[in-house]
C-alpha atoms as a PDB file:
ATOM      1  CA  MET A   1       0.599  -5.161  18.607  1.00  0.00           C
ATOM      2  CA  MET A   2       0.369  -1.701  20.152  1.00  0.00           C
ATOM      3  CA  LEU A   3      -0.888  -1.081  23.705  1.00  0.00           C
ATOM      4  CA  VAL A   4      -4.070   1.008  23.427  1.00  0.00           C
ATOM      5  CA  THR A   5      -4.242   4.064  25.713  1.00  0.00           C
ATOM      6  CA  ARG A   6      -6.262   7.273  25.535  1.00  0.00           C
ATOM      7  CA  ALA A   7      -3.461   8.866  23.486  1.00  0.00           C
ATOM      8  CA  THR A   8      -3.243   5.936  21.111  1.00  0.00           C
ATOM      9  CA  GLU A   9      -7.020   5.908  20.735  1.00  0.00           C
ATOM     10  CA  GLN A  10      -6.754   9.478  19.430  1.00  0.00           C
ATOM     11  CA  VAL A  11      -3.966   8.428  17.066  1.00  0.00           C
ATOM     12  CA  LEU A  12      -5.975   5.478  15.787  1.00  0.00           C
ATOM     13  CA  GLU A  13      -9.006   7.684  15.204  1.00  0.00           C
ATOM     14  CA  LYS A  14      -6.896  10.066  13.109  1.00  0.00           C
ATOM     15  CA  VAL A  15      -5.317   7.193  11.197  1.00  0.00           C
ATOM     16  CA  LYS A  16      -8.779   5.770  10.541  1.00  0.00           C
ATOM     17  CA  GLY A  17      -9.765   9.043   8.890  1.00  0.00           C
ATOM     18  CA  ASP A  18      -6.548   9.141   6.867  1.00  0.00           C
ATOM     19  CA  ARG A  19      -7.193   5.587   5.684  1.00  0.00           C
ATOM     20  CA  ALA A  20     -10.700   6.437   4.543  1.00  0.00           C
ATOM     21  CA  PHE A  21      -9.391   9.434   2.585  1.00  0.00           C
ATOM     22  CA  PHE A  22      -6.611   7.397   0.986  1.00  0.00           C
ATOM     23  CA  ASP A  23      -8.973   4.566   0.050  1.00  0.00           C
ATOM     24  CA  GLY A  24     -11.128   7.195  -1.633  1.00  0.00           C
ATOM     25  CA  LEU A  25      -8.303   7.951  -4.070  1.00  0.00           C
ATOM     26  CA  GLY A  26      -8.976   4.520  -5.498  1.00  0.00           C
ATOM     27  CA  LYS A  27     -12.190   5.939  -6.977  1.00  0.00           C
ATOM     28  CA  SER A  28     -10.324   8.460  -9.147  1.00  0.00           C
ATOM     29  CA  TYR A  29     -11.027   6.247 -12.163  1.00  0.00           C
ATOM     30  CA  LEU A  30     -12.670   2.909 -12.899  1.00  0.00           C
ATOM     31  CA  PRO A  31     -10.882  -0.449 -12.703  1.00  0.00           C
ATOM     32  CA  ASP A  32     -10.204  -2.392 -15.879  1.00  0.00           C
ATOM     33  CA  SER A  33     -13.370  -4.493 -16.025  1.00  0.00           C
ATOM     34  CA  SER A  34     -11.647  -7.239 -18.024  1.00  0.00           C
ATOM     35  CA  VAL A  35      -9.348  -8.075 -15.101  1.00  0.00           C
ATOM     36  CA  GLN A  36     -10.549 -10.719 -12.659  1.00  0.00           C
ATOM     37  CA  VAL A  37      -9.782 -10.025  -8.976  1.00  0.00           C
ATOM     38  CA  THR A  38      -9.884 -12.930  -6.518  1.00  0.00           C
ATOM     39  CA  GLU A  39      -8.984 -12.957  -2.839  1.00  0.00           C
ATOM     40  CA  GLU A  40      -6.692 -15.589  -1.320  1.00  0.00           C
ATOM     41  CA  LEU A  41      -5.535 -15.924   2.281  1.00  0.00           C
ATOM     42  CA  ILE A  42      -1.849 -16.896   2.154  1.00  0.00           C
ATOM     43  CA  GLU A  43      -0.016 -17.707   5.380  1.00  0.00           C
ATOM     44  CA  GLY A  44      -2.650 -15.710   7.260  1.00  0.00           C
ATOM     45  CA  VAL A  45      -2.201 -12.643   5.021  1.00  0.00           C
ATOM     46  CA  SER A  46      -4.971 -11.235   2.811  1.00  0.00           C
ATOM     47  CA  THR A  47      -3.867 -11.135  -0.818  1.00  0.00           C
ATOM     48  CA  TYR A  48      -5.614 -10.485  -4.129  1.00  0.00           C
ATOM     49  CA  TRP A  49      -4.855 -11.995  -7.524  1.00  0.00           C
ATOM     50  CA  PHE A  50      -5.329  -9.690 -10.522  1.00  0.00           C
ATOM     51  CA  THR A  51      -5.697 -11.816 -13.657  1.00  0.00           C
ATOM     52  CA  PRO A  52      -5.999 -10.087 -17.056  1.00  0.00           C
ATOM     53  CA  ASP A  53      -7.530 -11.707 -20.134  1.00  0.00           C
ATOM     54  CA  LYS A  54      -4.118 -12.291 -21.675  1.00  0.00           C
ATOM     55  CA  TYR A  55      -0.990 -12.847 -19.626  1.00  0.00           C
ATOM     56  CA  ASP A  56       2.362 -14.608 -19.577  1.00  0.00           C
ATOM     57  CA  HIS A  57       1.757 -17.773 -17.563  1.00  0.00           C
ATOM     58  CA  ASN A  58       5.422 -17.889 -16.539  1.00  0.00           C
ATOM     59  CA  ARG A  59       5.410 -14.505 -14.791  1.00  0.00           C
ATOM     60  CA  ILE A  60       4.017 -13.188 -11.519  1.00  0.00           C
ATOM     61  CA  VAL A  61       4.274  -9.640 -10.190  1.00  0.00           C
ATOM     62  CA  LEU A  62       4.179  -9.135  -6.426  1.00  0.00           C
ATOM     63  CA  TYR A  63       2.660  -5.714  -5.640  1.00  0.00           C
ATOM     64  CA  LEU A  64       3.401  -3.745  -2.456  1.00  0.00           C
ATOM     65  CA  HIS A  65       1.127  -0.734  -2.074  1.00  0.00           C
ATOM     66  CA  GLY A  66       1.996   2.690  -0.731  1.00  0.00           C
ATOM     67  CA  GLY A  67       0.407   4.645   2.098  1.00  0.00           C
ATOM     68  CA  MET A  68       3.221   5.647   4.477  1.00  0.00           C
ATOM     69  CA  PHE A  69       3.212   2.127   6.005  1.00  0.00           C
ATOM     70  CA  GLY A  70      -0.087   2.965   7.724  1.00  0.00           C
ATOM     71  CA  LEU A  71      -2.605   3.451   4.904  1.00  0.00           C
ATOM     72  CA  GLY A  72      -3.616   1.630   1.750  1.00  0.00           C
ATOM     73  CA  SER A  73      -5.630  -1.435   0.843  1.00  0.00           C
ATOM     74  CA  ILE A  74      -7.302  -3.193  -2.031  1.00  0.00           C
ATOM     75  CA  HIS A  75      -9.751  -0.261  -2.071  1.00  0.00           C
ATOM     76  CA  SER A  76      -7.070   2.371  -2.700  1.00  0.00           C
ATOM     77  CA  HIS A  77      -5.239   0.343  -5.331  1.00  0.00           C
ATOM     78  CA  ARG A  78      -7.720  -1.972  -7.076  1.00  0.00           C
ATOM     79  CA  ALA A  79      -8.266   0.345 -10.043  1.00  0.00           C
ATOM     80  CA  MET A  80      -4.604   1.157 -10.640  1.00  0.00           C
ATOM     81  CA  VAL A  81      -3.344  -2.396 -10.207  1.00  0.00           C
ATOM     82  CA  SER A  82      -6.031  -3.737 -12.550  1.00  0.00           C
ATOM     83  CA  HIS A  83      -4.686  -1.475 -15.299  1.00  0.00           C
ATOM     84  CA  PHE A  84      -1.145  -2.569 -14.434  1.00  0.00           C
ATOM     85  CA  ALA A  85      -2.147  -6.216 -14.922  1.00  0.00           C
ATOM     86  CA  THR A  86      -3.469  -5.539 -18.417  1.00  0.00           C
ATOM     87  CA  ALA A  87      -0.613  -3.260 -19.454  1.00  0.00           C
ATOM     88  CA  LEU A  88       2.071  -5.634 -18.159  1.00  0.00           C
ATOM     89  CA  SER A  89       0.322  -8.788 -19.447  1.00  0.00           C
ATOM     90  CA  SER A  90       0.949 -10.379 -16.075  1.00  0.00           C
ATOM     91  CA  LYS A  91      -0.868 -11.820 -13.107  1.00  0.00           C
ATOM     92  CA  ILE A  92      -0.324  -9.582 -10.089  1.00  0.00           C
ATOM     93  CA  LEU A  93      -0.510 -10.642  -6.450  1.00  0.00           C
ATOM     94  CA  PHE A  94      -1.453  -7.665  -4.284  1.00  0.00           C
ATOM     95  CA  ILE A  95      -0.580  -8.014  -0.591  1.00  0.00           C
ATOM     96  CA  GLU A  96      -2.536  -6.360   2.222  1.00  0.00           C
ATOM     97  CA  TYR A  97       0.391  -6.426   4.639  1.00  0.00           C
ATOM     98  CA  ALA A  98      -0.009  -5.411   8.296  1.00  0.00           C
ATOM     99  CA  LEU A  99      -0.133  -1.631   8.818  1.00  0.00           C
ATOM    100  CA  SER A 100       1.201   0.645  11.528  1.00  0.00           C
ATOM    101  CA  PRO A 101       0.578   1.973  14.101  1.00  0.00           C
ATOM    102  CA  GLU A 102      -1.274  -1.174  15.181  1.00  0.00           C
ATOM    103  CA  HIS A 103       1.440  -3.360  13.663  1.00  0.00           C
ATOM    104  CA  PRO A 104       4.780  -1.500  13.522  1.00  0.00           C
ATOM    105  CA  PHE A 105       7.963  -2.669  11.791  1.00  0.00           C
ATOM    106  CA  PRO A 106       8.733  -5.470  11.046  1.00  0.00           C
ATOM    107  CA  SER A 107       5.160  -6.834  10.970  1.00  0.00           C
ATOM    108  CA  GLY A 108       4.353  -5.762   7.403  1.00  0.00           C
ATOM    109  CA  LEU A 109       7.760  -6.888   6.162  1.00  0.00           C
ATOM    110  CA  ASN A 110       7.273 -10.302   7.741  1.00  0.00           C
ATOM    111  CA  ASP A 111       3.930 -10.649   5.956  1.00  0.00           C
ATOM    112  CA  VAL A 112       5.537  -9.947   2.592  1.00  0.00           C
ATOM    113  CA  VAL A 113       8.343 -12.441   3.180  1.00  0.00           C
ATOM    114  CA  LYS A 114       5.834 -15.155   4.170  1.00  0.00           C
ATOM    115  CA  VAL A 115       3.749 -14.621   1.040  1.00  0.00           C
ATOM    116  CA  TYR A 116       6.814 -14.588  -1.210  1.00  0.00           C
ATOM    117  CA  GLN A 117       8.154 -17.816   0.271  1.00  0.00           C
ATOM    118  CA  HIS A 118       4.745 -19.392  -0.358  1.00  0.00           C
ATOM    119  CA  LEU A 119       4.967 -18.283  -3.998  1.00  0.00           C
ATOM    120  CA  LEU A 120       8.405 -19.847  -4.329  1.00  0.00           C
ATOM    121  CA  ARG A 121       7.062 -23.153  -3.011  1.00  0.00           C
ATOM    122  CA  THR A 122       3.914 -23.210  -5.137  1.00  0.00           C
ATOM    123  CA  ASN A 123       5.162 -21.625  -8.382  1.00  0.00           C
ATOM    124  CA  THR A 124       8.559 -23.222  -8.810  1.00  0.00           C
ATOM    125  CA  SER A 125       8.988 -22.271 -12.475  1.00  0.00           C
ATOM    126  CA  ALA A 126       7.553 -18.736 -12.313  1.00  0.00           C
ATOM    127  CA  ILE A 127       9.576 -15.587 -12.885  1.00  0.00           C
ATOM    128  CA  ILE A 128       8.601 -13.393  -9.929  1.00  0.00           C
ATOM    129  CA  SER A 129       9.103  -9.626  -9.970  1.00  0.00           C
ATOM    130  CA  VAL A 130       8.238  -6.973  -7.388  1.00  0.00           C
ATOM    131  CA  ILE A 131       6.605  -3.572  -7.858  1.00  0.00           C
ATOM    132  CA  GLY A 132       6.180  -1.141  -4.979  1.00  0.00           C
ATOM    133  CA  ASP A 133       4.883   2.411  -4.888  1.00  0.00           C
ATOM    134  CA  SER A 134       5.764   5.050  -2.268  1.00  0.00           C
ATOM    135  CA  ALA A 135       6.122   3.297   1.112  1.00  0.00           C
ATOM    136  CA  GLY A 136       5.591   0.058  -0.779  1.00  0.00           C
ATOM    137  CA  GLY A 137       8.773   0.948  -2.639  1.00  0.00           C
ATOM    138  CA  GLY A 138      10.604   1.309   0.652  1.00  0.00           C
ATOM    139  CA  LEU A 139       9.099  -1.963   1.817  1.00  0.00           C
ATOM    140  CA  SER A 140      10.320  -3.596  -1.404  1.00  0.00           C
ATOM    141  CA  VAL A 141      13.878  -2.558  -0.556  1.00  0.00           C
ATOM    142  CA  SER A 142      13.553  -3.849   3.017  1.00  0.00           C
ATOM    143  CA  PHE A 143      12.105  -7.052   1.545  1.00  0.00           C
ATOM    144  CA  ILE A 144      15.162  -7.625  -0.657  1.00  0.00           C
ATOM    145  CA  HIS A 145      17.427  -7.045   2.342  1.00  0.00           C
ATOM    146  CA  ALA A 146      15.429  -9.545   4.424  1.00  0.00           C
ATOM    147  CA  LEU A 147      15.681 -12.166   1.668  1.00  0.00           C
ATOM    148  CA  LEU A 148      19.442 -11.717   1.525  1.00  0.00           C
ATOM    149  CA  GLN A 149      19.680 -12.067   5.302  1.00  0.00           C
ATOM    150  CA  GLN A 150      17.639 -15.278   5.175  1.00  0.00           C
ATOM    151  CA  GLN A 151      19.405 -16.577   2.040  1.00  0.00           C
ATOM    152  CA  VAL A 152      16.141 -16.812   0.101  1.00  0.00           C
ATOM    153  CA  PRO A 153      16.267 -16.577  -3.734  1.00  0.00           C
ATOM    154  CA  LEU A 154      15.725 -13.028  -4.964  1.00  0.00           C
ATOM    155  CA  PRO A 155      13.005 -11.866  -7.375  1.00  0.00           C
ATOM    156  CA  ALA A 156      13.969 -11.305 -10.999  1.00  0.00           C
ATOM    157  CA  HIS A 157      13.228  -7.556 -11.054  1.00  0.00           C
ATOM    158  CA  VAL A 158      12.383  -4.716  -8.690  1.00  0.00           C
ATOM    159  CA  VAL A 159      10.343  -1.705  -9.832  1.00  0.00           C
ATOM    160  CA  LEU A 160       9.972   1.280  -7.497  1.00  0.00           C
ATOM    161  CA  ILE A 161       7.394   3.983  -8.251  1.00  0.00           C
ATOM    162  CA  SER A 162       7.941   7.226  -6.303  1.00  0.00           C
ATOM    163  CA  PRO A 163       9.602   5.260  -3.484  1.00  0.00           C
ATOM    164  CA  TRP A 164       9.862   6.559   0.075  1.00  0.00           C
ATOM    165  CA  LEU A 165      13.334   5.400   1.033  1.00  0.00           C
ATOM    166  CA  ASN A 166      14.595   7.949   3.572  1.00  0.00           C
ATOM    167  CA  LEU A 167      12.464   7.889   6.712  1.00  0.00           C
ATOM    168  CA  THR A 168      14.386  10.791   8.279  1.00  0.00           C
ATOM    169  CA  CYS A 169      12.987  13.000   5.484  1.00  0.00           C
ATOM    170  CA  ASP A 170      16.065  15.225   5.373  1.00  0.00           C
ATOM    171  CA  THR A 171      16.992  15.456   1.681  1.00  0.00           C
ATOM    172  CA  ASN A 172      17.328  18.697  -0.289  1.00  0.00           C
ATOM    173  CA  ALA A 173      14.220  17.944  -2.354  1.00  0.00           C
ATOM    174  CA  TYR A 174      12.015  18.937   0.584  1.00  0.00           C
ATOM    175  CA  GLN A 175      13.230  22.519   0.056  1.00  0.00           C
ATOM    176  CA  THR A 176      13.598  22.557  -3.732  1.00  0.00           C
ATOM    177  CA  ARG A 177      10.487  20.702  -4.947  1.00  0.00           C
ATOM    178  CA  PHE A 178       6.779  20.975  -4.292  1.00  0.00           C
ATOM    179  CA  ASP A 179       4.338  18.076  -4.268  1.00  0.00           C
ATOM    180  CA  PRO A 180       0.661  18.704  -3.411  1.00  0.00           C
ATOM    181  CA  ILE A 181       0.209  15.092  -2.315  1.00  0.00           C
ATOM    182  CA  LEU A 182       2.816  14.882   0.464  1.00  0.00           C
ATOM    183  CA  ASN A 183       4.506  17.031   3.083  1.00  0.00           C
ATOM    184  CA  ARG A 184       7.377  16.394   5.474  1.00  0.00           C
ATOM    185  CA  GLU A 185       5.288  16.663   8.650  1.00  0.00           C
ATOM    186  CA  MET A 186       2.904  13.945   7.510  1.00  0.00           C
ATOM    187  CA  LEU A 187       5.755  11.637   6.521  1.00  0.00           C
ATOM    188  CA  MET A 188       7.573  12.161   9.818  1.00  0.00           C
ATOM    189  CA  GLU A 189       4.366  11.382  11.711  1.00  0.00           C
ATOM    190  CA  TYR A 190       3.893   8.070   9.923  1.00  0.00           C
ATOM    191  CA  ALA A 191       7.584   7.176  10.138  1.00  0.00           C
ATOM    192  CA  ALA A 192       7.205   7.405  13.926  1.00  0.00           C
ATOM    193  CA  TYR A 193       4.164   5.123  13.789  1.00  0.00           C
ATOM    194  CA  TYR A 194       6.103   2.629  11.663  1.00  0.00           C
ATOM    195  CA  ALA A 195       9.231   2.574  13.826  1.00  0.00           C
ATOM    196  CA  PRO A 196       8.188   4.021  17.217  1.00  0.00           C
ATOM    197  CA  ASP A 197      11.387   3.176  19.117  1.00  0.00           C
ATOM    198  CA  ASN A 198      14.027   4.096  16.537  1.00  0.00           C
ATOM    199  CA  LEU A 199      14.346   3.806  12.786  1.00  0.00           C
ATOM    200  CA  GLY A 200      17.210   1.325  12.937  1.00  0.00           C
ATOM    201  CA  GLY A 201      16.700  -1.380  10.328  1.00  0.00           C
ATOM    202  CA  ALA A 202      13.308   0.055   9.374  1.00  0.00           C
ATOM    203  CA  ASP A 203      14.859   2.812   7.215  1.00  0.00           C
ATOM    204  CA  PRO A 204      15.282   1.228   3.756  1.00  0.00           C
ATOM    205  CA  GLY A 205      17.716   3.816   2.438  1.00  0.00           C
ATOM    206  CA  GLN A 206      20.213   2.958   5.182  1.00  0.00           C
ATOM    207  CA  LEU A 207      20.303  -0.778   4.505  1.00  0.00           C
ATOM    208  CA  PRO A 208      23.591  -2.148   3.123  1.00  0.00           C
ATOM    209  CA  PHE A 209      23.626  -4.148  -0.112  1.00  0.00           C
ATOM    210  CA  ALA A 210      26.376  -6.098  -1.828  1.00  0.00           C
ATOM    211  CA  ILE A 211      23.977  -7.428  -4.465  1.00  0.00           C
ATOM    212  CA  PHE A 212      20.563  -6.321  -5.702  1.00  0.00           C
ATOM    213  CA  PRO A 213      18.190  -7.502  -8.465  1.00  0.00           C
ATOM    214  CA  PRO A 214      17.824  -5.491 -11.682  1.00  0.00           C
ATOM    215  CA  LEU A 215      16.172  -2.237 -10.640  1.00  0.00           C
ATOM    216  CA  PHE A 216      13.957   0.360 -12.328  1.00  0.00           C
ATOM    217  CA  ILE A 217      12.956   3.524 -10.442  1.00  0.00           C
ATOM    218  CA  LEU A 218      10.191   5.804 -11.739  1.00  0.00           C
ATOM    219  CA  VAL A 219       9.847   9.239 -10.138  1.00  0.00           C
ATOM    220  CA  GLY A 220       7.994  12.483 -10.846  1.00  0.00           C
ATOM    221  CA  SER A 221      10.062  15.624 -11.322  1.00  0.00           C
ATOM    222  CA  ASN A 222       7.995  17.573  -8.767  1.00  0.00           C
ATOM    223  CA  GLU A 223       8.244  15.095  -5.900  1.00  0.00           C
ATOM    224  CA  ILE A 224       9.619  15.961  -2.483  1.00  0.00           C
ATOM    225  CA  LEU A 225      10.793  12.329  -2.505  1.00  0.00           C
ATOM    226  CA  PHE A 226      12.825  12.889  -5.679  1.00  0.00           C
ATOM    227  CA  ASP A 227      16.160  12.657  -3.862  1.00  0.00           C
ATOM    228  CA  ASP A 228      15.128   9.352  -2.270  1.00  0.00           C
ATOM    229  CA  SER A 229      15.060   7.890  -5.777  1.00  0.00           C
ATOM    230  CA  LYS A 230      18.194   9.639  -6.991  1.00  0.00           C
ATOM    231  CA  LEU A 231      20.360   8.644  -4.018  1.00  0.00           C
ATOM    232  CA  PHE A 232      19.206   5.027  -4.052  1.00  0.00           C
ATOM    233  CA  PHE A 233      19.757   4.806  -7.808  1.00  0.00           C
ATOM    234  CA  GLU A 234      23.316   6.068  -7.384  1.00  0.00           C
ATOM    235  CA  LYS A 235      23.884   3.550  -4.595  1.00  0.00           C
ATOM    236  CA  ILE A 236      22.570   0.468  -6.377  1.00  0.00           C
ATOM    237  CA  ARG A 237      24.078   1.157  -9.789  1.00  0.00           C
ATOM    238  CA  GLN A 238      27.498   0.644  -8.194  1.00  0.00           C
ATOM    239  CA  ILE A 239      26.642  -3.028  -7.670  1.00  0.00           C
ATOM    240  CA  GLN A 240      23.957  -3.752 -10.304  1.00  0.00           C
ATOM    241  CA  PRO A 241      24.626  -2.712 -13.924  1.00  0.00           C
ATOM    242  CA  ARG A 242      20.966  -3.238 -14.839  1.00  0.00           C
ATOM    243  CA  THR A 243      19.812  -0.257 -12.793  1.00  0.00           C
ATOM    244  CA  ARG A 244      17.639   2.425 -14.368  1.00  0.00           C
ATOM    245  CA  MET A 245      15.949   5.585 -13.173  1.00  0.00           C
ATOM    246  CA  LYS A 246      13.546   7.707 -15.194  1.00  0.00           C
ATOM    247  CA  GLU A 247      12.231  11.139 -14.265  1.00  0.00           C
ATOM    248  CA  TYR A 248       8.721  11.915 -15.521  1.00  0.00           C
ATOM    249  CA  MET A 249       8.486  15.644 -16.090  1.00  0.00           C
ATOM    250  CA  ASP A 250       5.880  17.729 -14.242  1.00  0.00           C
ATOM    251  CA  GLN A 251       4.546  14.672 -12.408  1.00  0.00           C
ATOM    252  CA  THR A 252       3.819  14.414  -8.687  1.00  0.00           C
ATOM    253  CA  HIS A 253       3.818  11.526  -6.247  1.00  0.00           C
ATOM    254  CA  VAL A 254       2.578   8.213  -7.741  1.00  0.00           C
ATOM    255  CA  TRP A 255       0.858  10.081 -10.560  1.00  0.00           C
ATOM    256  CA  LEU A 256      -0.590   6.854 -11.963  1.00  0.00           C
ATOM    257  CA  LEU A 257      -2.858   6.483  -8.914  1.00  0.00           C
ATOM    258  CA  THR A 258      -4.931   9.550  -9.776  1.00  0.00           C
ATOM    259  CA  ASP A 259      -4.843   9.506 -13.605  1.00  0.00           C
ATOM    260  CA  ILE A 260      -4.006   6.244 -15.342  1.00  0.00           C
ATOM    261  CA  ALA A 261      -5.042   7.608 -18.756  1.00  0.00           C
ATOM    262  CA  SER A 262      -2.524  10.478 -18.838  1.00  0.00           C
ATOM    263  CA  ALA A 263       0.308  10.390 -21.343  1.00  0.00           C
ATOM    264  CA  SER A 264       2.853  10.157 -18.511  1.00  0.00           C
ATOM    265  CA  ALA A 265       1.029   7.247 -16.888  1.00  0.00           C
ATOM    266  CA  GLN A 266       0.768   5.373 -20.171  1.00  0.00           C
ATOM    267  CA  THR A 267       4.455   5.970 -20.865  1.00  0.00           C
ATOM    268  CA  ALA A 268       5.318   4.684 -17.394  1.00  0.00           C
ATOM    269  CA  LEU A 269       3.301   1.507 -17.985  1.00  0.00           C
ATOM    270  CA  ALA A 270       5.085   0.901 -21.282  1.00  0.00           C
ATOM    271  CA  ASP A 271       8.459   1.549 -19.639  1.00  0.00           C
ATOM    272  CA  MET A 272       7.702  -0.941 -16.868  1.00  0.00           C
ATOM    273  CA  LYS A 273       6.595  -3.599 -19.330  1.00  0.00           C
ATOM    274  CA  GLU A 274       9.794  -3.178 -21.317  1.00  0.00           C
ATOM    275  CA  PHE A 275      11.931  -3.464 -18.186  1.00  0.00           C
ATOM    276  CA  LEU A 276      10.107  -6.535 -16.857  1.00  0.00           C
ATOM    277  CA  SER A 277      10.543  -8.234 -20.233  1.00  0.00           C
ATOM    278  CA  GLU A 278      14.320  -7.921 -20.140  1.00  0.00           C
END
């Protein structure tokens, strides 16, 4: 928990405005009305079950939302995740993990681990996979590392959509690609909120791995985070043969969040379903 001073009050006021703007992106299109959304408090963490009309009863997808570790909620992601549930024919558990700057690293990570361990205890026969977008992609990587450290069974698959994996924001893509959604200054600001003392173990791209679950990375060709995906793909494919990365041409950061009906979004959904069925 952060100590509130006059300076931090100003920060929190700015973050509050950023959160409202980001939540507003969730109104870009309507949710899938056939998907039932129910809230459940798990280990003190707010979560939401997305249940489509037809789904594989043996599968659960754990969803970690983006928002630079400081933004994002059920309001920003309800519509998109509802369409994911239908397209993937799977129940999805969406986690509202603790956000910075009020709750810096590792608070959000600890929330995710607690919820996952609850799922393991209560769904012993389920095949559990993880999907994370943007910072939720980075959190997914930190989550796998934490499970390995604690010797907890790993999920069956990991899907990363436009993941933010390098919190130093120093790759070449920042100079060679343009994304209207993100800029380096904004990312650096929220990285400092997330890990105010030093990045240390908070930077997912720097975490060591000897093993990793089957991995699929989806990234837009125009993203300033493109190299985050490329470098992590090259790293993990050395240890996990079932590692894939697909570049979606002319797409920007988490393009499915703003237009789920586009050809690229529909292709991405089909690609994810195929991967999760393997």
